[in-house]
Amino acid sequence: MIDTPGGGSADGSARDASPADGRGPIVPTPEQLGAMFASLRSLRGLTLAEVASIAGISVGHLSQLERGIGNPSYATLVGLSTALGVPVGSFFAVASGSGLVRADARSTLRVASSDYMIELLTPNTSGRLGAYLAHLPPHWSGEDVHLVHEGEEWCMTLEGTVQLHLDDETHELRVGDAFTWNATRTHWWSNATSTPAQVLTVMTPPSF
């Protein structure tokens, strides 16, 4: 569940946020995510129906999300980022300031009905470099979300074994294995094993 404070700015992007005691993951609540979705949609002059159609969800579902009811799935987050013209990274509740990101106070996105989670390792997503730690639960697949974005991307498996699907290729990456690719190639991840996996990814620019 998404259950700790984050924030949204007037332009619909995540504002600076931090836990009250300075510790713990920083994640946007459903209400804050909904406010971001509604603000971005309003700024772009789009109707609920237009955004829902592009994102591949129903108008009713989008309306509920904008009102902070329920958590979006991974596929819905990616679909809304496309419909609203922003990277998924803009939905992080960012604790900016210095270049330091404490291990116990990372900006985090969790998705509904899954243990899939992404942690932001850079202070924000507005610079020229983005670093993320993805947690892939057992038997998880992102096959329904094929990613294509600008820039170059690099990854290394830190725990478990994952599959990087790149166009029509599949690369199995074990602990310590690394891979670099042009992010304009279609790519997605899966974990076909019965144990959790962690993947460190770095991209420039942070266009995910």
C-alpha atoms as a PDB file:
ATOM      1  CA  MET A   1       0.000   0.000   0.000  1.00  0.00           C
ATOM      2  CA  ILE A   2       0.995   3.596  -0.540  1.00  0.00           C
ATOM      3  CA  ASP A   3       0.768   5.033   2.940  1.00  0.00           C
ATOM      4  CA  THR A   4       3.311   7.699   3.759  1.00  0.00           C
ATOM      5  CA  PRO A   5       3.419  11.409   2.853  1.00  0.00           C
ATOM      6  CA  GLY A   6       4.678  12.728  -0.466  1.00  0.00           C
ATOM      7  CA  GLY A   7       3.431  15.790  -2.318  1.00  0.00           C
ATOM      8  CA  GLY A   8       2.345  17.458  -5.503  1.00  0.00           C
ATOM      9  CA  SER A   9       3.192  20.839  -6.978  1.00  0.00           C
ATOM     10  CA  ALA A  10       1.089  23.271  -8.932  1.00  0.00           C
ATOM     11  CA  ASP A  11       2.351  21.843 -12.219  1.00  0.00           C
ATOM     12  CA  GLY A  12       1.300  18.338 -11.227  1.00  0.00           C
ATOM     13  CA  SER A  13       4.784  17.022 -10.551  1.00  0.00           C
ATOM     14  CA  ALA A  14       5.901  15.663  -7.214  1.00  0.00           C
ATOM     15  CA  ARG A  15       7.024  18.344  -4.778  1.00  0.00           C
ATOM     16  CA  ASP A  16       9.691  18.061  -2.089  1.00  0.00           C
ATOM     17  CA  ALA A  17       8.612  15.717   0.686  1.00  0.00           C
ATOM     18  CA  SER A  18      10.130  13.998   3.670  1.00  0.00           C
ATOM     19  CA  PRO A  19       8.959  11.836   6.559  1.00  0.00           C
ATOM     20  CA  ALA A  20       8.156  13.706   9.738  1.00  0.00           C
ATOM     21  CA  ASP A  21      11.141  12.136  11.545  1.00  0.00           C
ATOM     22  CA  GLY A  22      13.449  12.242   8.535  1.00  0.00           C
ATOM     23  CA  ARG A  23      13.476   8.452   8.233  1.00  0.00           C
ATOM     24  CA  GLY A  24      11.545   5.851   6.300  1.00  0.00           C
ATOM     25  CA  PRO A  25      10.628   5.568   2.605  1.00  0.00           C
ATOM     26  CA  ILE A  26       8.960   8.568   0.985  1.00  0.00           C
ATOM     27  CA  VAL A  27       5.966   7.548  -1.108  1.00  0.00           C
ATOM     28  CA  PRO A  28       2.990   9.481  -2.476  1.00  0.00           C
ATOM     29  CA  THR A  29      -0.398   8.632  -0.971  1.00  0.00           C
ATOM     30  CA  PRO A  30      -3.296   7.711  -3.296  1.00  0.00           C
ATOM     31  CA  GLU A  31      -4.730  11.185  -2.684  1.00  0.00           C
ATOM     32  CA  GLN A  32      -1.481  12.885  -3.696  1.00  0.00           C
ATOM     33  CA  LEU A  33      -1.083  10.721  -6.791  1.00  0.00           C
ATOM     34  CA  GLY A  34      -4.684  11.509  -7.726  1.00  0.00           C
ATOM     35  CA  ALA A  35      -4.054  15.231  -7.333  1.00  0.00           C
ATOM     36  CA  MET A  36      -1.028  14.940  -9.648  1.00  0.00           C
ATOM     37  CA  PHE A  37      -3.092  13.115 -12.281  1.00  0.00           C
ATOM     38  CA  ALA A  38      -5.919  15.674 -12.120  1.00  0.00           C
ATOM     39  CA  SER A  39      -3.571  18.667 -12.171  1.00  0.00           C
ATOM     40  CA  LEU A  40      -1.609  17.408 -15.178  1.00  0.00           C
ATOM     41  CA  ARG A  41      -4.806  16.560 -17.046  1.00  0.00           C
ATOM     42  CA  SER A  42      -6.210  20.040 -16.356  1.00  0.00           C
ATOM     43  CA  LEU A  43      -2.989  21.770 -17.419  1.00  0.00           C
ATOM     44  CA  ARG A  44      -3.083  19.911 -20.737  1.00  0.00           C
ATOM     45  CA  GLY A  45      -6.769  20.646 -21.317  1.00  0.00           C
ATOM     46  CA  LEU A  46      -7.654  16.967 -21.581  1.00  0.00           C
ATOM     47  CA  THR A  47     -10.938  15.338 -20.620  1.00  0.00           C
ATOM     48  CA  LEU A  48     -11.265  12.260 -18.449  1.00  0.00           C
ATOM     49  CA  ALA A  49     -12.326  10.307 -21.531  1.00  0.00           C
ATOM     50  CA  GLU A  50      -9.291  11.421 -23.574  1.00  0.00           C
ATOM     51  CA  VAL A  51      -6.773  10.499 -20.873  1.00  0.00           C
ATOM     52  CA  ALA A  52      -8.517   7.220 -20.059  1.00  0.00           C
ATOM     53  CA  SER A  53      -8.547   6.209 -23.713  1.00  0.00           C
ATOM     54  CA  ILE A  54      -4.810   6.801 -24.153  1.00  0.00           C
ATOM     55  CA  ALA A  55      -3.971   5.139 -20.826  1.00  0.00           C
ATOM     56  CA  GLY A  56      -6.102   2.107 -21.647  1.00  0.00           C
ATOM     57  CA  ILE A  57      -8.362   2.337 -18.599  1.00  0.00           C
ATOM     58  CA  SER A  58     -12.027   3.197 -18.049  1.00  0.00           C
ATOM     59  CA  VAL A  59     -13.249   6.718 -17.324  1.00  0.00           C
ATOM     60  CA  GLY A  60     -14.654   5.466 -14.035  1.00  0.00           C
ATOM     61  CA  HIS A  61     -11.293   4.028 -12.989  1.00  0.00           C
ATOM     62  CA  LEU A  62      -9.490   7.275 -13.818  1.00  0.00           C
ATOM     63  CA  SER A  63     -12.095   9.294 -11.948  1.00  0.00           C
ATOM     64  CA  GLN A  64     -11.580   7.131  -8.878  1.00  0.00           C
ATOM     65  CA  LEU A  65      -7.794   7.461  -9.082  1.00  0.00           C
ATOM     66  CA  GLU A  66      -8.029  11.258  -9.349  1.00  0.00           C
ATOM     67  CA  ARG A  67     -10.141  11.233  -6.183  1.00  0.00           C
ATOM     68  CA  GLY A  68      -7.542   9.146  -4.352  1.00  0.00           C
ATOM     69  CA  ILE A  69      -9.551   5.933  -4.406  1.00  0.00           C
ATOM     70  CA  GLY A  70      -7.325   2.893  -4.898  1.00  0.00           C
ATOM     71  CA  ASN A  71      -3.745   2.466  -6.084  1.00  0.00           C
ATOM     72  CA  PRO A  72      -2.814   2.320  -9.790  1.00  0.00           C
ATOM     73  CA  SER A  73      -1.189  -0.799 -11.168  1.00  0.00           C
ATOM     74  CA  TYR A  74       2.218  -0.683 -12.858  1.00  0.00           C
ATOM     75  CA  ALA A  75       0.570  -0.804 -16.291  1.00  0.00           C
ATOM     76  CA  THR A  76      -1.817   2.010 -15.329  1.00  0.00           C
ATOM     77  CA  LEU A  77       1.028   4.206 -14.066  1.00  0.00           C
ATOM     78  CA  VAL A  78       2.897   3.777 -17.340  1.00  0.00           C
ATOM     79  CA  GLY A  79      -0.285   4.366 -19.355  1.00  0.00           C
ATOM     80  CA  LEU A  80      -1.070   7.563 -17.445  1.00  0.00           C
ATOM     81  CA  SER A  81       2.493   8.827 -17.863  1.00  0.00           C
ATOM     82  CA  THR A  82       2.080   8.413 -21.633  1.00  0.00           C
ATOM     83  CA  ALA A  83      -1.353  10.043 -21.668  1.00  0.00           C
ATOM     84  CA  LEU A  84      -0.205  12.988 -19.547  1.00  0.00           C
ATOM     85  CA  GLY A  85       3.120  13.443 -21.339  1.00  0.00           C
ATOM     86  CA  VAL A  86       5.395  12.961 -18.312  1.00  0.00           C
ATOM     87  CA  PRO A  87       7.843  10.228 -17.277  1.00  0.00           C
ATOM     88  CA  VAL A  88       6.768   7.735 -14.621  1.00  0.00           C
ATOM     89  CA  GLY A  89       9.522   9.203 -12.454  1.00  0.00           C
ATOM     90  CA  SER A  90       7.539  12.432 -12.095  1.00  0.00           C
ATOM     91  CA  PHE A  91       5.107  10.544  -9.839  1.00  0.00           C
ATOM     92  CA  PHE A  92       7.773  10.057  -7.160  1.00  0.00           C
ATOM     93  CA  ALA A  93       7.443  12.190  -4.046  1.00  0.00           C
ATOM     94  CA  VAL A  94      10.903  13.720  -4.192  1.00  0.00           C
ATOM     95  CA  ALA A  95      12.987  14.734  -1.206  1.00  0.00           C
ATOM     96  CA  SER A  96      15.437  17.081  -2.879  1.00  0.00           C
ATOM     97  CA  GLY A  97      18.074  19.347  -1.420  1.00  0.00           C
ATOM     98  CA  SER A  98      21.590  17.968  -1.201  1.00  0.00           C
ATOM     99  CA  GLY A  99      22.879  15.164  -3.379  1.00  0.00           C
ATOM    100  CA  LEU A 100      22.598  12.731  -0.474  1.00  0.00           C
ATOM    101  CA  VAL A 101      19.877  10.057  -0.499  1.00  0.00           C
ATOM    102  CA  ARG A 102      19.805   8.077   2.753  1.00  0.00           C
ATOM    103  CA  ALA A 103      19.193   4.337   2.467  1.00  0.00           C
ATOM    104  CA  ASP A 104      16.242   4.561   4.862  1.00  0.00           C
ATOM    105  CA  ALA A 105      14.634   7.619   3.236  1.00  0.00           C
ATOM    106  CA  ARG A 106      14.349   6.851  -0.470  1.00  0.00           C
ATOM    107  CA  SER A 107      11.493   8.084  -2.648  1.00  0.00           C
ATOM    108  CA  THR A 108       9.472   4.970  -3.466  1.00  0.00           C
ATOM    109  CA  LEU A 109       6.693   3.882  -5.802  1.00  0.00           C
ATOM    110  CA  ARG A 110       4.702   0.758  -4.972  1.00  0.00           C
ATOM    111  CA  VAL A 111       1.994  -0.576  -7.261  1.00  0.00           C
ATOM    112  CA  ALA A 112      -1.360  -2.157  -6.517  1.00  0.00           C
ATOM    113  CA  SER A 113      -1.806  -5.912  -6.096  1.00  0.00           C
ATOM    114  CA  SER A 114       1.920  -6.572  -6.348  1.00  0.00           C
ATOM    115  CA  ASP A 115       5.140  -6.476  -4.347  1.00  0.00           C
ATOM    116  CA  TYR A 116       6.792  -4.724  -7.299  1.00  0.00           C
ATOM    117  CA  MET A 117       8.490  -1.568  -6.049  1.00  0.00           C
ATOM    118  CA  ILE A 118      10.834   1.079  -7.452  1.00  0.00           C
ATOM    119  CA  GLU A 119      13.130   3.190  -5.277  1.00  0.00           C
ATOM    120  CA  LEU A 120      14.640   6.443  -6.544  1.00  0.00           C
ATOM    121  CA  LEU A 121      18.361   6.625  -5.726  1.00  0.00           C
ATOM    122  CA  THR A 122      18.966  10.146  -7.040  1.00  0.00           C
ATOM    123  CA  PRO A 123      17.620  13.221  -5.173  1.00  0.00           C
ATOM    124  CA  ASN A 124      15.083  13.947  -7.923  1.00  0.00           C
ATOM    125  CA  THR A 125      14.248  13.213 -11.564  1.00  0.00           C
ATOM    126  CA  SER A 126      15.011  16.674 -12.947  1.00  0.00           C
ATOM    127  CA  GLY A 127      18.741  16.193 -13.512  1.00  0.00           C
ATOM    128  CA  ARG A 128      20.654  14.508 -16.314  1.00  0.00           C
ATOM    129  CA  LEU A 129      21.023  11.169 -14.534  1.00  0.00           C
ATOM    130  CA  GLY A 130      18.484   8.860 -12.916  1.00  0.00           C
ATOM    131  CA  ALA A 131      19.217   5.801 -10.776  1.00  0.00           C
ATOM    132  CA  TYR A 132      16.577   3.347  -9.551  1.00  0.00           C
ATOM    133  CA  LEU A 133      16.413   0.142  -7.533  1.00  0.00           C
ATOM    134  CA  ALA A 134      13.647  -2.183  -8.738  1.00  0.00           C
ATOM    135  CA  HIS A 135      12.298  -4.980  -6.537  1.00  0.00           C
ATOM    136  CA  LEU A 136      10.768  -7.805  -8.616  1.00  0.00           C
ATOM    137  CA  PRO A 137       8.682 -10.321  -6.657  1.00  0.00           C
ATOM    138  CA  PRO A 138       8.720 -14.029  -7.578  1.00  0.00           C
ATOM    139  CA  HIS A 139       6.977 -14.940 -10.839  1.00  0.00           C
ATOM    140  CA  TRP A 140       6.446 -11.273 -11.708  1.00  0.00           C
ATOM    141  CA  SER A 141       6.201 -10.084 -15.319  1.00  0.00           C
ATOM    142  CA  GLY A 142       6.022  -6.647 -16.884  1.00  0.00           C
ATOM    143  CA  GLU A 143       5.063  -8.103 -20.247  1.00  0.00           C
ATOM    144  CA  ASP A 144       1.943  -5.940 -20.433  1.00  0.00           C
ATOM    145  CA  VAL A 145       4.098  -2.795 -20.288  1.00  0.00           C
ATOM    146  CA  HIS A 146       6.698  -2.464 -23.042  1.00  0.00           C
ATOM    147  CA  LEU A 147       8.946   0.492 -22.234  1.00  0.00           C
ATOM    148  CA  VAL A 148      10.393   2.808 -24.878  1.00  0.00           C
ATOM    149  CA  HIS A 149      11.991   6.135 -23.966  1.00  0.00           C
ATOM    150  CA  GLU A 150      14.899   8.344 -24.913  1.00  0.00           C
ATOM    151  CA  GLY A 151      18.452   7.935 -23.714  1.00  0.00           C
ATOM    152  CA  GLU A 152      20.771   5.140 -22.657  1.00  0.00           C
ATOM    153  CA  GLU A 153      20.141   2.669 -19.851  1.00  0.00           C
ATOM    154  CA  TRP A 154      22.362   0.403 -17.763  1.00  0.00           C
ATOM    155  CA  CYS A 155      21.461  -2.270 -15.229  1.00  0.00           C
ATOM    156  CA  MET A 156      23.032  -4.709 -12.802  1.00  0.00           C
ATOM    157  CA  THR A 157      21.336  -7.551 -10.947  1.00  0.00           C
ATOM    158  CA  LEU A 158      21.964  -7.257  -7.201  1.00  0.00           C
ATOM    159  CA  GLU A 159      19.823 -10.142  -5.991  1.00  0.00           C
ATOM    160  CA  GLY A 160      18.196 -13.155  -7.627  1.00  0.00           C
ATOM    161  CA  THR A 161      17.855 -13.710 -11.370  1.00  0.00           C
ATOM    162  CA  VAL A 162      15.881 -11.552 -13.800  1.00  0.00           C
ATOM    163  CA  GLN A 163      15.065 -11.553 -17.486  1.00  0.00           C
ATOM    164  CA  LEU A 164      15.596  -8.410 -19.552  1.00  0.00           C
ATOM    165  CA  HIS A 165      13.443  -8.592 -22.675  1.00  0.00           C
ATOM    166  CA  LEU A 166      14.909  -6.339 -25.361  1.00  0.00           C
ATOM    167  CA  ASP A 167      12.993  -6.249 -28.655  1.00  0.00           C
ATOM    168  CA  ASP A 168      12.845  -9.944 -29.594  1.00  0.00           C
ATOM    169  CA  GLU A 169      15.806 -10.897 -27.380  1.00  0.00           C
ATOM    170  CA  THR A 170      15.750 -12.242 -23.820  1.00  0.00           C
ATOM    171  CA  HIS A 171      18.796 -11.869 -21.586  1.00  0.00           C
ATOM    172  CA  GLU A 172      18.960 -13.722 -18.272  1.00  0.00           C
ATOM    173  CA  LEU A 173      20.888 -11.662 -15.748  1.00  0.00           C
ATOM    174  CA  ARG A 174      22.230 -13.283 -12.586  1.00  0.00           C
ATOM    175  CA  VAL A 175      23.797 -11.529  -9.595  1.00  0.00           C
ATOM    176  CA  GLY A 176      26.618  -9.275 -10.777  1.00  0.00           C
ATOM    177  CA  ASP A 177      25.603  -9.394 -14.443  1.00  0.00           C
ATOM    178  CA  ALA A 178      25.288  -5.976 -16.116  1.00  0.00           C
ATOM    179  CA  PHE A 179      23.796  -4.817 -19.403  1.00  0.00           C
ATOM    180  CA  THR A 180      23.754  -1.534 -21.359  1.00  0.00           C
ATOM    181  CA  TRP A 181      21.277  -0.656 -24.132  1.00  0.00           C
ATOM    182  CA  ASN A 182      19.682   2.147 -26.119  1.00  0.00           C
ATOM    183  CA  ALA A 183      16.439   2.884 -24.255  1.00  0.00           C
ATOM    184  CA  THR A 184      14.615   3.606 -27.520  1.00  0.00           C
ATOM    185  CA  ARG A 185      14.556  -0.172 -27.988  1.00  0.00           C
ATOM    186  CA  THR A 186      11.447  -1.863 -26.593  1.00  0.00           C
ATOM    187  CA  HIS A 187      12.242  -3.399 -23.218  1.00  0.00           C
ATOM    188  CA  TRP A 188      10.575  -4.965 -20.191  1.00  0.00           C
ATOM    189  CA  TRP A 189      11.448  -7.062 -17.161  1.00  0.00           C
ATOM    190  CA  SER A 190      10.381 -10.323 -15.589  1.00  0.00           C
ATOM    191  CA  ASN A 191      11.351 -12.590 -12.714  1.00  0.00           C
ATOM    192  CA  ALA A 192      10.558 -16.183 -13.641  1.00  0.00           C
ATOM    193  CA  THR A 193      12.012 -17.623 -10.446  1.00  0.00           C
ATOM    194  CA  SER A 194      10.468 -18.408  -7.055  1.00  0.00           C
ATOM    195  CA  THR A 195      12.700 -15.941  -5.199  1.00  0.00           C
ATOM    196  CA  PRO A 196      12.649 -12.100  -5.096  1.00  0.00           C
ATOM    197  CA  ALA A 197      15.094 -10.142  -7.245  1.00  0.00           C
ATOM    198  CA  GLN A 198      16.612  -6.669  -7.192  1.00  0.00           C
ATOM    199  CA  VAL A 199      17.927  -4.747 -10.185  1.00  0.00           C
ATOM    200  CA  LEU A 200      19.866  -1.487 -10.126  1.00  0.00           C
ATOM    201  CA  THR A 201      19.197   0.637 -13.219  1.00  0.00           C
ATOM    202  CA  VAL A 202      20.827   3.886 -14.305  1.00  0.00           C
ATOM    203  CA  MET A 203      19.659   5.994 -17.221  1.00  0.00           C
ATOM    204  CA  THR A 204      20.531   9.276 -18.837  1.00  0.00           C
ATOM    205  CA  PRO A 205      18.473  11.314 -19.064  1.00  0.00           C
ATOM    206  CA  PRO A 206      15.997  10.055 -16.393  1.00  0.00           C
ATOM    207  CA  SER A 207      13.221   9.642 -18.929  1.00  0.00           C
ATOM    208  CA  PHE A 208      11.499   6.536 -17.524  1.00  0.00           C
END
